[in-house]
PDB file of all heavy atoms in Angstrom:
ATOM      1  N   ALA A   1     115.106  92.489  86.291  1.00  0.00           N
ATOM      2  CA  ALA A   1     115.555  93.299  85.156  1.00  0.00           C
ATOM      3  C   ALA A   1     115.421  94.777  85.519  1.00  0.00           C
ATOM      4  O   ALA A   1     114.331  95.229  85.864  1.00  0.00           O
ATOM      5  CB  ALA A   1     114.717  92.980  83.924  1.00  0.00           C
ATOM      6  N   PRO A   2     116.521  95.545  85.483  1.00  0.00           N
ATOM      7  CA  PRO A   2     116.399  96.961  85.855  1.00  0.00           C
ATOM      8  C   PRO A   2     115.595  97.763  84.842  1.00  0.00           C
ATOM      9  O   PRO A   2     115.807  97.655  83.649  1.00  0.00           O
ATOM     10  CB  PRO A   2     117.855  97.434  85.901  1.00  0.00           C
ATOM     11  CG  PRO A   2     118.605  96.472  85.069  1.00  0.00           C
ATOM     12  CD  PRO A   2     117.857  95.171  85.105  1.00  0.00           C
ATOM     13  N   GLU A   3     114.644  98.512  85.348  1.00  0.00           N
ATOM     14  CA  GLU A   3     113.842  99.402  84.504  1.00  0.00           C
ATOM     15  C   GLU A   3     114.432 100.799  84.620  1.00  0.00           C
ATOM     16  O   GLU A   3     114.759 101.257  85.705  1.00  0.00           O
ATOM     17  CB  GLU A   3     112.394  99.411  84.983  1.00  0.00           C
ATOM     18  CG  GLU A   3     111.495 100.283  84.154  1.00  0.00           C
ATOM     19  CD  GLU A   3     110.070 100.276  84.686  1.00  0.00           C
ATOM     20  OE1 GLU A   3     109.592  99.227  85.114  1.00  0.00           O
ATOM     21  OE2 GLU A   3     109.459 101.354  84.665  1.00  0.00           O
ATOM     22  N   VAL A   4     114.578 101.482  83.506  1.00  0.00           N
ATOM     23  CA  VAL A   4     115.162 102.816  83.502  1.00  0.00           C
ATOM     24  C   VAL A   4     114.053 103.856  83.664  1.00  0.00           C
ATOM     25  O   VAL A   4     113.003 103.760  83.032  1.00  0.00           O
ATOM     26  CB  VAL A   4     115.958 103.054  82.193  1.00  0.00           C
ATOM     27  CG1 VAL A   4     116.474 104.475  82.119  1.00  0.00           C
ATOM     28  CG2 VAL A   4     117.104 102.063  82.103  1.00  0.00           C
ATOM     29  N   VAL A   5     114.307 104.847  84.524  1.00  0.00           N
ATOM     30  CA  VAL A   5     113.341 105.930  84.739  1.00  0.00           C
ATOM     31  C   VAL A   5     113.305 106.771  83.463  1.00  0.00           C
ATOM     32  O   VAL A   5     114.340 107.242  82.989  1.00  0.00           O
ATOM     33  CB  VAL A   5     113.737 106.795  85.949  1.00  0.00           C
ATOM     34  CG1 VAL A   5     112.753 107.939  86.141  1.00  0.00           C
ATOM     35  CG2 VAL A   5     113.832 105.945  87.206  1.00  0.00           C
ATOM     36  N   PRO A   6     112.113 106.973  82.880  1.00  0.00           N
ATOM     37  CA  PRO A   6     112.022 107.724  81.620  1.00  0.00           C
ATOM     38  C   PRO A   6     112.325 109.215  81.813  1.00  0.00           C
ATOM     39  O   PRO A   6     112.224 109.731  82.932  1.00  0.00           O
ATOM     40  CB  PRO A   6     110.573 107.512  81.179  1.00  0.00           C
ATOM     41  CG  PRO A   6     109.838 107.116  82.399  1.00  0.00           C
ATOM     42  CD  PRO A   6     110.815 106.470  83.320  1.00  0.00           C
ATOM     43  N   PRO A   7     112.663 109.914  80.748  1.00  0.00           N
ATOM     44  CA  PRO A   7     112.880 111.364  80.847  1.00  0.00           C
ATOM     45  C   PRO A   7     111.623 112.058  81.368  1.00  0.00           C
ATOM     46  O   PRO A   7     110.503 111.653  81.069  1.00  0.00           O
ATOM     47  CB  PRO A   7     113.165 111.781  79.399  1.00  0.00           C
ATOM     48  CG  PRO A   7     113.554 110.535  78.700  1.00  0.00           C
ATOM     49  CD  PRO A   7     112.874 109.404  79.401  1.00  0.00           C
ATOM     50  N   GLY A   8     111.827 113.092  82.169  1.00  0.00           N
ATOM     51  CA  GLY A   8     110.695 113.854  82.699  1.00  0.00           C
ATOM     52  C   GLY A   8     109.984 113.185  83.860  1.00  0.00           C
ATOM     53  O   GLY A   8     108.862 113.546  84.183  1.00  0.00           O
ATOM     54  N   HIS A   9     110.637 112.208  84.520  1.00  0.00           N
ATOM     55  CA  HIS A   9     110.025 111.480  85.626  1.00  0.00           C
ATOM     56  C   HIS A   9     111.016 111.300  86.779  1.00  0.00           C
ATOM     57  O   HIS A   9     112.232 111.352  86.571  1.00  0.00           O
ATOM     58  CB  HIS A   9     109.552 110.102  85.173  1.00  0.00           C
ATOM     59  CG  HIS A   9     108.370 110.139  84.273  1.00  0.00           C
ATOM     60  ND1 HIS A   9     108.445 110.545  82.962  1.00  0.00           N
ATOM     61  CD2 HIS A   9     107.076 109.830  84.500  1.00  0.00           C
ATOM     62  CE1 HIS A   9     107.237 110.470  82.410  1.00  0.00           C
ATOM     63  NE2 HIS A   9     106.404 110.040  83.332  1.00  0.00           N
ATOM     64  N   LEU A  10     110.467 111.070  87.975  1.00  0.00           N
ATOM     65  CA  LEU A  10     111.247 110.732  89.162  1.00  0.00           C
ATOM     66  C   LEU A  10     110.739 109.402  89.707  1.00  0.00           C
ATOM     67  O   LEU A  10     109.548 109.106  89.617  1.00  0.00           O
ATOM     68  CB  LEU A  10     111.073 111.789  90.253  1.00  0.00           C
ATOM     69  CG  LEU A  10     111.539 113.201  89.980  1.00  0.00           C
ATOM     70  CD1 LEU A  10     111.057 114.142  91.081  1.00  0.00           C
ATOM     71  CD2 LEU A  10     113.052 113.241  89.869  1.00  0.00           C
ATOM     72  N   PHE A  11     111.636 108.610  90.274  1.00  0.00           N
ATOM     73  CA  PHE A  11     111.242 107.380  90.951  1.00  0.00           C
ATOM     74  C   PHE A  11     111.379 107.646  92.439  1.00  0.00           C
ATOM     75  O   PHE A  11     112.464 107.949  92.929  1.00  0.00           O
ATOM     76  CB  PHE A  11     112.138 106.213  90.518  1.00  0.00           C
ATOM     77  CG  PHE A  11     111.597 104.876  90.911  1.00  0.00           C
ATOM     78  CD1 PHE A  11     110.684 104.222  90.098  1.00  0.00           C
ATOM     79  CD2 PHE A  11     111.997 104.264  92.090  1.00  0.00           C
ATOM     80  CE1 PHE A  11     110.180 102.975  90.456  1.00  0.00           C
ATOM     81  CE2 PHE A  11     111.496 103.036  92.458  1.00  0.00           C
ATOM     82  CZ  PHE A  11     110.592 102.385  91.639  1.00  0.00           C
ATOM     83  N   VAL A  12     110.257 107.606  93.173  1.00  0.00           N
ATOM     84  CA  VAL A  12     110.244 107.965  94.588  1.00  0.00           C
ATOM     85  C   VAL A  12     109.836 106.776  95.441  1.00  0.00           C
ATOM     86  O   VAL A  12     109.018 105.948  95.030  1.00  0.00           O
ATOM     87  CB  VAL A  12     109.303 109.162  94.861  1.00  0.00           C
ATOM     88  CG1 VAL A  12     109.788 110.420  94.150  1.00  0.00           C
ATOM     89  CG2 VAL A  12     107.873 108.859  94.455  1.00  0.00           C
ATOM     90  N   LEU A  13     110.431 106.697  96.639  1.00  0.00           N
ATOM     91  CA  LEU A  13     110.125 105.631  97.583  1.00  0.00           C
ATOM     92  C   LEU A  13     109.944 106.223  98.969  1.00  0.00           C
ATOM     93  O   LEU A  13     110.585 107.220  99.319  1.00  0.00           O
ATOM     94  CB  LEU A  13     111.276 104.610  97.642  1.00  0.00           C
ATOM     95  CG  LEU A  13     111.585 103.827  96.376  1.00  0.00           C
ATOM     96  CD1 LEU A  13     112.860 103.015  96.573  1.00  0.00           C
ATOM     97  CD2 LEU A  13     110.435 102.936  95.992  1.00  0.00           C
ATOM     98  N   GLY A  14     109.096 105.575  99.776  1.00  0.00           N
ATOM     99  CA  GLY A  14     108.983 105.937 101.180  1.00  0.00           C
ATOM    100  C   GLY A  14     110.112 105.291 101.957  1.00  0.00           C
ATOM    101  O   GLY A  14     110.632 104.245 101.562  1.00  0.00           O
ATOM    102  N   ASP A  15     110.507 105.897 103.059  1.00  0.00           N
ATOM    103  CA  ASP A  15     111.579 105.330 103.878  1.00  0.00           C
ATOM    104  C   ASP A  15     111.148 104.024 104.549  1.00  0.00           C
ATOM    105  O   ASP A  15     111.959 103.136 104.762  1.00  0.00           O
ATOM    106  CB  ASP A  15     112.019 106.333 104.951  1.00  0.00           C
ATOM    107  CG  ASP A  15     112.793 107.504 104.364  1.00  0.00           C
ATOM    108  OD1 ASP A  15     113.124 107.475 103.158  1.00  0.00           O
ATOM    109  OD2 ASP A  15     113.077 108.455 105.112  1.00  0.00           O
ATOM    110  N   ASN A  16     109.889 103.907 104.891  1.00  0.00           N
ATOM    111  CA  ASN A  16     109.341 102.704 105.523  1.00  0.00           C
ATOM    112  C   ASN A  16     108.716 101.843 104.421  1.00  0.00           C
ATOM    113  O   ASN A  16     107.513 101.868 104.191  1.00  0.00           O
ATOM    114  CB  ASN A  16     108.313 103.111 106.574  1.00  0.00           C
ATOM    115  CG  ASN A  16     107.832 101.953 107.405  1.00  0.00           C
ATOM    116  OD1 ASN A  16     108.247 100.815 107.222  1.00  0.00           O
ATOM    117  ND2 ASN A  16     106.937 102.248 108.326  1.00  0.00           N
ATOM    118  N   ARG A  17     109.547 101.111 103.714  1.00  0.00           N
ATOM    119  CA  ARG A  17     109.138 100.415 102.484  1.00  0.00           C
ATOM    120  C   ARG A  17     108.004  99.416 102.673  1.00  0.00           C
ATOM    121  O   ARG A  17     107.244  99.161 101.743  1.00  0.00           O
ATOM    122  CB  ARG A  17     110.349  99.697 101.858  1.00  0.00           C
ATOM    123  CG  ARG A  17     111.515 100.620 101.608  1.00  0.00           C
ATOM    124  CD  ARG A  17     111.527 101.149 100.204  1.00  0.00           C
ATOM    125  NE  ARG A  17     112.382 102.301 100.046  1.00  0.00           N
ATOM    126  CZ  ARG A  17     113.691 102.263  99.866  1.00  0.00           C
ATOM    127  NH1 ARG A  17     114.316 101.119  99.829  1.00  0.00           N
ATOM    128  NH2 ARG A  17     114.374 103.377  99.737  1.00  0.00           N
ATOM    129  N   GLU A  18     107.894  98.819 103.860  1.00  0.00           N
ATOM    130  CA  GLU A  18     106.856  97.800 104.076  1.00  0.00           C
ATOM    131  C   GLU A  18     105.443  98.357 103.956  1.00  0.00           C
ATOM    132  O   GLU A  18     104.530  97.643 103.566  1.00  0.00           O
ATOM    133  CB  GLU A  18     107.018  97.129 105.453  1.00  0.00           C
ATOM    134  CG  GLU A  18     108.275  96.305 105.595  1.00  0.00           C
ATOM    135  CD  GLU A  18     109.507  97.151 105.890  1.00  0.00           C
ATOM    136  OE1 GLU A  18     109.371  98.194 106.573  1.00  0.00           O
ATOM    137  OE2 GLU A  18     110.595  96.791 105.426  1.00  0.00           O
ATOM    138  N   VAL A  19     105.256  99.637 104.286  1.00  0.00           N
ATOM    139  CA  VAL A  19     103.909 100.209 104.280  1.00  0.00           C
ATOM    140  C   VAL A  19     103.747 101.360 103.295  1.00  0.00           C
ATOM    141  O   VAL A  19     102.662 101.927 103.190  1.00  0.00           O
ATOM    142  CB  VAL A  19     103.489 100.686 105.690  1.00  0.00           C
ATOM    143  CG1 VAL A  19     103.443  99.533 106.661  1.00  0.00           C
ATOM    144  CG2 VAL A  19     104.406 101.773 106.192  1.00  0.00           C
ATOM    145  N   SER A  20     104.798 101.709 102.577  1.00  0.00           N
ATOM    146  CA  SER A  20     104.756 102.880 101.707  1.00  0.00           C
ATOM    147  C   SER A  20     104.096 102.570 100.363  1.00  0.00           C
ATOM    148  O   SER A  20     104.370 101.550  99.740  1.00  0.00           O
ATOM    149  CB  SER A  20     106.175 103.395 101.472  1.00  0.00           C
ATOM    150  OG  SER A  20     106.147 104.523 100.636  1.00  0.00           O
ATOM    151  N   TYR A  21     103.243 103.478  99.931  1.00  0.00           N
ATOM    152  CA  TYR A  21     102.633 103.436  98.599  1.00  0.00           C
ATOM    153  C   TYR A  21     103.408 104.446  97.767  1.00  0.00           C
ATOM    154  O   TYR A  21     103.314 105.646  97.989  1.00  0.00           O
ATOM    155  CB  TYR A  21     101.150 103.801  98.685  1.00  0.00           C
ATOM    156  CG  TYR A  21     100.418 103.672  97.382  1.00  0.00           C
ATOM    157  CD1 TYR A  21     100.119 102.424  96.858  1.00  0.00           C
ATOM    158  CD2 TYR A  21     100.024 104.799  96.681  1.00  0.00           C
ATOM    159  CE1 TYR A  21      99.446 102.295  95.655  1.00  0.00           C
ATOM    160  CE2 TYR A  21      99.355 104.682  95.481  1.00  0.00           C
ATOM    161  CZ  TYR A  21      99.065 103.432  94.972  1.00  0.00           C
ATOM    162  OH  TYR A  21      98.402 103.311  93.777  1.00  0.00           O
ATOM    163  N   ASP A  22     104.200 103.954  96.817  1.00  0.00           N
ATOM    164  CA  ASP A  22     105.140 104.816  96.122  1.00  0.00           C
ATOM    165  C   ASP A  22     105.305 104.382  94.665  1.00  0.00           C
ATOM    166  O   ASP A  22     104.428 103.707  94.123  1.00  0.00           O
ATOM    167  CB  ASP A  22     106.475 104.845  96.868  1.00  0.00           C
ATOM    168  CG  ASP A  22     106.974 103.458  97.248  1.00  0.00           C
ATOM    169  OD1 ASP A  22     106.798 102.514  96.457  1.00  0.00           O
ATOM    170  OD2 ASP A  22     107.532 103.312  98.341  1.00  0.00           O
ATOM    171  N   SER A  23     106.427 104.718  94.059  1.00  0.00           N
ATOM    172  CA  SER A  23     106.646 104.429  92.637  1.00  0.00           C
ATOM    173  C   SER A  23     106.703 102.938  92.326  1.00  0.00           C
ATOM    174  O   SER A  23     106.530 102.546  91.183  1.00  0.00           O
ATOM    175  CB  SER A  23     107.938 105.094  92.150  1.00  0.00           C
ATOM    176  OG  SER A  23     107.768 106.480  92.062  1.00  0.00           O
ATOM    177  N   ARG A  24     106.919 102.096  93.315  1.00  0.00           N
ATOM    178  CA  ARG A  24     106.867 100.649  93.073  1.00  0.00           C
ATOM    179  C   ARG A  24     105.451 100.228  92.690  1.00  0.00           C
ATOM    180  O   ARG A  24     105.255  99.246  91.997  1.00  0.00           O
ATOM    181  CB  ARG A  24     107.311  99.876  94.315  1.00  0.00           C
ATOM    182  CG  ARG A  24     108.777 100.091  94.657  1.00  0.00           C
ATOM    183  CD  ARG A  24     109.107  99.486  95.985  1.00  0.00           C
ATOM    184  NE  ARG A  24     108.318 100.153  97.022  1.00  0.00           N
ATOM    185  CZ  ARG A  24     108.159  99.684  98.255  1.00  0.00           C
ATOM    186  NH1 ARG A  24     108.722  98.551  98.613  1.00  0.00           N
ATOM    187  NH2 ARG A  24     107.445 100.339  99.140  1.00  0.00           N
ATOM    188  N   HIS A  25     104.458 101.011  93.138  1.00  0.00           N
ATOM    189  CA  HIS A  25     103.052 100.699  92.856  1.00  0.00           C
ATOM    190  C   HIS A  25     102.494 101.530  91.708  1.00  0.00           C
ATOM    191  O   HIS A  25     101.667 101.055  90.942  1.00  0.00           O
ATOM    192  CB  HIS A  25     102.211 100.934  94.112  1.00  0.00           C
ATOM    193  CG  HIS A  25     102.724 100.202  95.303  1.00  0.00           C
ATOM    194  ND1 HIS A  25     103.567 100.779  96.218  1.00  0.00           N
ATOM    195  CD2 HIS A  25     102.541  98.932  95.720  1.00  0.00           C
ATOM    196  CE1 HIS A  25     103.875  99.898  97.146  1.00  0.00           C
ATOM    197  NE2 HIS A  25     103.263  98.769  96.868  1.00  0.00           N
ATOM    198  N   THR A  26     102.913 102.789  91.620  1.00  0.00           N
ATOM    199  CA  THR A  26     102.327 103.709  90.643  1.00  0.00           C
ATOM    200  C   THR A  26     103.199 103.941  89.421  1.00  0.00           C
ATOM    201  O   THR A  26     102.743 104.506  88.442  1.00  0.00           O
ATOM    202  CB  THR A  26     102.070 105.090  91.287  1.00  0.00           C
ATOM    203  OG1 THR A  26     103.331 105.648  91.677  1.00  0.00           O
ATOM    204  CG2 THR A  26     101.162 104.967  92.486  1.00  0.00           C
ATOM    205  N   GLY A  27     104.476 103.546  89.523  1.00  0.00           N
ATOM    206  CA  GLY A  27     105.412 103.831  88.443  1.00  0.00           C
ATOM    207  C   GLY A  27     106.071 105.177  88.676  1.00  0.00           C
ATOM    208  O   GLY A  27     105.772 105.887  89.640  1.00  0.00           O
ATOM    209  N   PRO A  28     107.005 105.553  87.804  1.00  0.00           N
ATOM    210  CA  PRO A  28     107.684 106.837  87.959  1.00  0.00           C
ATOM    211  C   PRO A  28     106.706 108.010  87.941  1.00  0.00           C
ATOM    212  O   PRO A  28     105.680 107.971  87.265  1.00  0.00           O
ATOM    213  CB  PRO A  28     108.632 106.889  86.754  1.00  0.00           C
ATOM    214  CG  PRO A  28     108.840 105.464  86.378  1.00  0.00           C
ATOM    215  CD  PRO A  28     107.540 104.771  86.686  1.00  0.00           C
ATOM    216  N   VAL A  29     107.035 109.032  88.696  1.00  0.00           N
ATOM    217  CA  VAL A  29     106.176 110.206  88.852  1.00  0.00           C
ATOM    218  C   VAL A  29     106.585 111.272  87.838  1.00  0.00           C
ATOM    219  O   VAL A  29     107.760 111.647  87.774  1.00  0.00           O
ATOM    220  CB  VAL A  29     106.305 110.772  90.280  1.00  0.00           C
ATOM    221  CG1 VAL A  29     105.491 112.041  90.441  1.00  0.00           C
ATOM    222  CG2 VAL A  29     105.910 109.733  91.306  1.00  0.00           C
ATOM    223  N   PRO A  30     105.657 111.799  87.038  1.00  0.00           N
ATOM    224  CA  PRO A  30     106.007 112.858  86.079  1.00  0.00           C
ATOM    225  C   PRO A  30     106.407 114.153  86.790  1.00  0.00           C
ATOM    226  O   PRO A  30     105.892 114.470  87.858  1.00  0.00           O
ATOM    227  CB  PRO A  30     104.732 113.062  85.265  1.00  0.00           C
ATOM    228  CG  PRO A  30     103.698 112.184  85.831  1.00  0.00           C
ATOM    229  CD  PRO A  30     104.265 111.396  86.945  1.00  0.00           C
ATOM    230  N   PHE A  31     107.318 114.881  86.174  1.00  0.00           N
ATOM    231  CA  PHE A  31     107.758 116.172  86.719  1.00  0.00           C
ATOM    232  C   PHE A  31     106.578 117.100  86.986  1.00  0.00           C
ATOM    233  O   PHE A  31     106.628 117.915  87.898  1.00  0.00           O
ATOM    234  CB  PHE A  31     108.716 116.878  85.759  1.00  0.00           C
ATOM    235  CG  PHE A  31     110.116 116.328  85.732  1.00  0.00           C
ATOM    236  CD1 PHE A  31     111.027 116.816  84.825  1.00  0.00           C
ATOM    237  CD2 PHE A  31     110.539 115.331  86.602  1.00  0.00           C
ATOM    238  CE1 PHE A  31     112.333 116.344  84.776  1.00  0.00           C
ATOM    239  CE2 PHE A  31     111.831 114.833  86.572  1.00  0.00           C
ATOM    240  CZ  PHE A  31     112.733 115.350  85.654  1.00  0.00           C
ATOM    241  N   ALA A  32     105.515 116.994  86.207  1.00  0.00           N
ATOM    242  CA  ALA A  32     104.359 117.886  86.358  1.00  0.00           C
ATOM    243  C   ALA A  32     103.714 117.750  87.738  1.00  0.00           C
ATOM    244  O   ALA A  32     103.059 118.680  88.200  1.00  0.00           O
ATOM    245  CB  ALA A  32     103.333 117.606  85.274  1.00  0.00           C
ATOM    246  N   ARG A  33     103.896 116.621  88.403  1.00  0.00           N
ATOM    247  CA  ARG A  33     103.311 116.418  89.734  1.00  0.00           C
ATOM    248  C   ARG A  33     104.267 116.783  90.865  1.00  0.00           C
ATOM    249  O   ARG A  33     103.905 116.724  92.031  1.00  0.00           O
ATOM    250  CB  ARG A  33     102.836 114.970  89.870  1.00  0.00           C
ATOM    251  CG  ARG A  33     101.626 114.727  88.978  1.00  0.00           C
ATOM    252  CD  ARG A  33     100.998 113.360  89.092  1.00  0.00           C
ATOM    253  NE  ARG A  33     101.013 112.765  90.391  1.00  0.00           N
ATOM    254  CZ  ARG A  33     101.194 111.459  90.604  1.00  0.00           C
ATOM    255  NH1 ARG A  33     101.368 110.639  89.599  1.00  0.00           N
ATOM    256  NH2 ARG A  33     101.187 110.975  91.814  1.00  0.00           N
TER     257      ARG A  33
END
């Protein structure tokens, strides 16, 4: 089920997905960060 990125957030991923700790683990990143 596609999840929509909320307003004021970015969804970020590492290029090397197998070892990257990114938005798949932490959720969308707020603009403040």
